[in-house]
C-alpha atoms as a PDB file:
ATOM      1  CA  MET A   1      -1.618   2.873  12.111  1.00  0.00           C
ATOM      2  CA  GLU A   2      -3.663   0.090  10.230  1.00  0.00           C
ATOM      3  CA  ALA A   3      -2.606  -3.435   9.945  1.00  0.00           C
ATOM      4  CA  VAL A   4      -2.457  -4.399   6.366  1.00  0.00           C
ATOM      5  CA  LYS A   5      -3.939  -7.647   5.395  1.00  0.00           C
ATOM      6  CA  SER A   6      -3.691  -7.531   1.658  1.00  0.00           C
ATOM      7  CA  THR A   7      -3.034  -4.759  -0.812  1.00  0.00           C
ATOM      8  CA  THR A   8      -4.321  -4.255  -4.388  1.00  0.00           C
ATOM      9  CA  GLU A   9      -4.495  -1.269  -6.737  1.00  0.00           C
ATOM     10  CA  SER A  10      -7.699  -0.360  -8.481  1.00  0.00           C
ATOM     11  CA  ALA A  11      -8.899   2.774 -10.446  1.00  0.00           C
ATOM     12  CA  THR A  12     -10.204   4.370  -7.154  1.00  0.00           C
ATOM     13  CA  GLY A  13      -6.761   4.050  -5.345  1.00  0.00           C
ATOM     14  CA  LEU A  14      -4.670   1.737  -3.376  1.00  0.00           C
ATOM     15  CA  THR A  15      -6.584  -0.550  -1.061  1.00  0.00           C
ATOM     16  CA  THR A  16      -5.833  -2.165   2.175  1.00  0.00           C
ATOM     17  CA  GLY A  17      -8.319  -4.567   3.123  1.00  0.00           C
ATOM     18  CA  ASP A  18     -11.566  -2.550   3.032  1.00  0.00           C
ATOM     19  CA  THR A  19      -9.973   0.787   3.353  1.00  0.00           C
ATOM     20  CA  VAL A  20      -9.040   2.927   0.176  1.00  0.00           C
ATOM     21  CA  ILE A  21      -6.101   5.003   0.631  1.00  0.00           C
ATOM     22  CA  GLY A  22      -6.621   8.147  -1.441  1.00  0.00           C
ATOM     23  CA  THR A  23     -10.147   9.105  -0.616  1.00  0.00           C
ATOM     24  CA  PRO A  24     -11.200  12.369   0.576  1.00  0.00           C
ATOM     25  CA  GLY A  25      -9.987  13.297   4.083  1.00  0.00           C
ATOM     26  CA  ARG A  26     -11.710  15.245   6.697  1.00  0.00           C
ATOM     27  CA  ASN A  27     -10.971  18.411   4.944  1.00  0.00           C
ATOM     28  CA  GLY A  28     -12.559  17.198   1.807  1.00  0.00           C
ATOM     29  CA  ARG A  29      -9.252  17.130  -0.359  1.00  0.00           C
ATOM     30  CA  GLY A  30      -8.128  14.002  -1.710  1.00  0.00           C
ATOM     31  CA  GLU A  31      -5.181  12.621   0.334  1.00  0.00           C
ATOM     32  CA  ARG A  32      -3.926  10.847  -2.617  1.00  0.00           C
ATOM     33  CA  GLY A  33      -2.652  14.275  -4.386  1.00  0.00           C
ATOM     34  CA  ARG A  34      -1.092  15.663  -1.130  1.00  0.00           C
ATOM     35  CA  ARG A  35       1.492  12.838  -0.538  1.00  0.00           C
ATOM     36  CA  ARG A  36       5.131  12.791  -1.640  1.00  0.00           C
ATOM     37  CA  SER A  37       5.160   9.102  -2.490  1.00  0.00           C
ATOM     38  CA  GLU A  38       2.403   6.572  -2.075  1.00  0.00           C
ATOM     39  CA  MET A  39       2.634   2.821  -1.555  1.00  0.00           C
ATOM     40  CA  THR A  40       2.378   0.871  -4.833  1.00  0.00           C
ATOM     41  CA  SER A  41       3.319  -2.552  -6.072  1.00  0.00           C
ATOM     42  CA  ALA A  42       6.686  -1.129  -6.845  1.00  0.00           C
ATOM     43  CA  ASN A  43       7.181  -0.445  -3.020  1.00  0.00           C
ATOM     44  CA  VAL A  44       6.036  -3.788  -1.702  1.00  0.00           C
ATOM     45  CA  ARG A  45       8.290  -6.894  -1.407  1.00  0.00           C
ATOM     46  CA  TYR A  46       6.925 -10.465  -0.575  1.00  0.00           C
ATOM     47  CA  PHE A  47       8.465 -13.034   1.579  1.00  0.00           C
ATOM     48  CA  LEU A  48       7.793 -16.456   2.970  1.00  0.00           C
ATOM     49  CA  PRO A  49       8.938 -17.143   6.363  1.00  0.00           C
ATOM     50  CA  LYS A  50      12.254 -19.027   7.383  1.00  0.00           C
ATOM     51  CA  ALA A  51      11.874 -22.721   7.597  1.00  0.00           C
ATOM     52  CA  GLY A  52      10.599 -23.543  11.147  1.00  0.00           C
ATOM     53  CA  ASN A  53       9.302 -20.212  11.887  1.00  0.00           C
ATOM     54  CA  SER A  54       5.979 -20.175  13.873  1.00  0.00           C
ATOM     55  CA  GLY A  55       4.932 -16.653  13.089  1.00  0.00           C
ATOM     56  CA  ASP A  56       5.101 -15.379  16.732  1.00  0.00           C
ATOM     57  CA  LYS A  57       8.419 -13.602  15.839  1.00  0.00           C
ATOM     58  CA  PRO A  58       8.520 -13.261  12.119  1.00  0.00           C
ATOM     59  CA  GLU A  59      11.743 -13.989  10.409  1.00  0.00           C
ATOM     60  CA  LEU A  60      11.869 -13.395   6.517  1.00  0.00           C
ATOM     61  CA  GLY A  61      12.943 -16.275   4.324  1.00  0.00           C
ATOM     62  CA  ARG A  62      12.820 -16.733   0.554  1.00  0.00           C
ATOM     63  CA  GLU A  63      11.627 -13.404  -1.248  1.00  0.00           C
ATOM     64  CA  MET A  64       9.069 -13.995  -3.990  1.00  0.00           C
ATOM     65  CA  THR A  65       8.928 -11.894  -7.251  1.00  0.00           C
ATOM     66  CA  SER A  66       5.204 -10.893  -7.008  1.00  0.00           C
ATOM     67  CA  GLU A  67       2.155 -11.077  -4.830  1.00  0.00           C
ATOM     68  CA  GLY A  68       0.583 -13.943  -7.034  1.00  0.00           C
ATOM     69  CA  GLU A  69       3.581 -16.116  -6.681  1.00  0.00           C
ATOM     70  CA  ALA A  70       3.714 -15.554  -2.879  1.00  0.00           C
ATOM     71  CA  LEU A  71       0.037 -16.253  -2.375  1.00  0.00           C
ATOM     72  CA  VAL A  72       0.287 -19.376  -4.508  1.00  0.00           C
ATOM     73  CA  GLU A  73       3.409 -20.786  -2.624  1.00  0.00           C
ATOM     74  CA  ALA A  74       2.078 -19.771   0.750  1.00  0.00           C
ATOM     75  CA  PHE A  75      -1.020 -21.651   0.023  1.00  0.00           C
ATOM     76  CA  ARG A  76       0.797 -24.696  -1.452  1.00  0.00           C
ATOM     77  CA  THR A  77       3.005 -24.949   1.512  1.00  0.00           C
ATOM     78  CA  GLY A  78       0.582 -23.930   4.225  1.00  0.00           C
ATOM     79  CA  GLN A  79       2.716 -21.196   5.489  1.00  0.00           C
ATOM     80  CA  LEU A  80       2.199 -17.399   6.023  1.00  0.00           C
ATOM     81  CA  MET A  81       3.126 -14.667   3.648  1.00  0.00           C
ATOM     82  CA  TYR A  82       4.835 -11.488   4.753  1.00  0.00           C
ATOM     83  CA  THR A  83       4.740  -8.113   2.980  1.00  0.00           C
ATOM     84  CA  VAL A  84       7.390  -5.341   3.498  1.00  0.00           C
ATOM     85  CA  VAL A  85       7.415  -1.944   2.630  1.00  0.00           C
ATOM     86  CA  ALA A  86      10.480   0.486   3.421  1.00  0.00           C
ATOM     87  CA  TRP A  87       9.480   4.034   4.481  1.00  0.00           C
ATOM     88  CA  LYS A  88      11.730   7.145   4.812  1.00  0.00           C
ATOM     89  CA  ALA A  89      10.909  10.009   6.988  1.00  0.00           C
ATOM     90  CA  VAL A  90      10.794  13.323   4.938  1.00  0.00           C
ATOM     91  CA  PRO A  91       9.562  16.859   5.692  1.00  0.00           C
ATOM     92  CA  GLU A  92       6.673  18.467   4.189  1.00  0.00           C
ATOM     93  CA  MET A  93       5.184  21.893   4.447  1.00  0.00           C
ATOM     94  CA  SER A  94       1.339  22.229   4.640  1.00  0.00           C
ATOM     95  CA  ASP A  95      -1.062  25.034   5.707  1.00  0.00           C
ATOM     96  CA  ASP A  96      -0.535  24.043   9.156  1.00  0.00           C
ATOM     97  CA  GLY A  97       3.172  24.303   9.125  1.00  0.00           C
ATOM     98  CA  PRO A  98       5.878  21.681   8.661  1.00  0.00           C
ATOM     99  CA  LYS A  99       5.413  18.036   9.360  1.00  0.00           C
ATOM    100  CA  ILE A 100       7.329  14.731   9.017  1.00  0.00           C
ATOM    101  CA  VAL A 101       5.453  12.266   6.796  1.00  0.00           C
ATOM    102  CA  LYS A 102       6.524   8.968   5.450  1.00  0.00           C
ATOM    103  CA  GLN A 103       7.556   8.393   1.837  1.00  0.00           C
ATOM    104  CA  ALA A 104       7.553   4.744   0.414  1.00  0.00           C
ATOM    105  CA  ILE A 105      10.879   3.524  -0.780  1.00  0.00           C
ATOM    106  CA  ASN A 106      10.787   1.642  -4.486  1.00  0.00           C
ATOM    107  CA  ARG A 107      12.458  -1.755  -4.016  1.00  0.00           C
ATOM    108  CA  THR A 108      15.440  -2.567  -5.904  1.00  0.00           C
END
């Protein structure tokens, strides 16, 4: 599993750092078309840490409405910023048989 530092969406797919999610996999087919649900800006929630939190054991504080707002506030206050995505385990049939895959849940 990759650690996600930042997430942006471009014409070529959703990116995490330097990795583009949705590029062809080892079988040559695009992974983007196979997934039930992908991580998009509708799935990501942005938080600042609770007051006094050192980051060793993350505790979520105030939720921000957008990535831009969270970045500005984190920079202004010298704090970290956390992104959270909720995932649900769902079954998926493939050529190799049934698998359990993750499906991103839209924030409410």
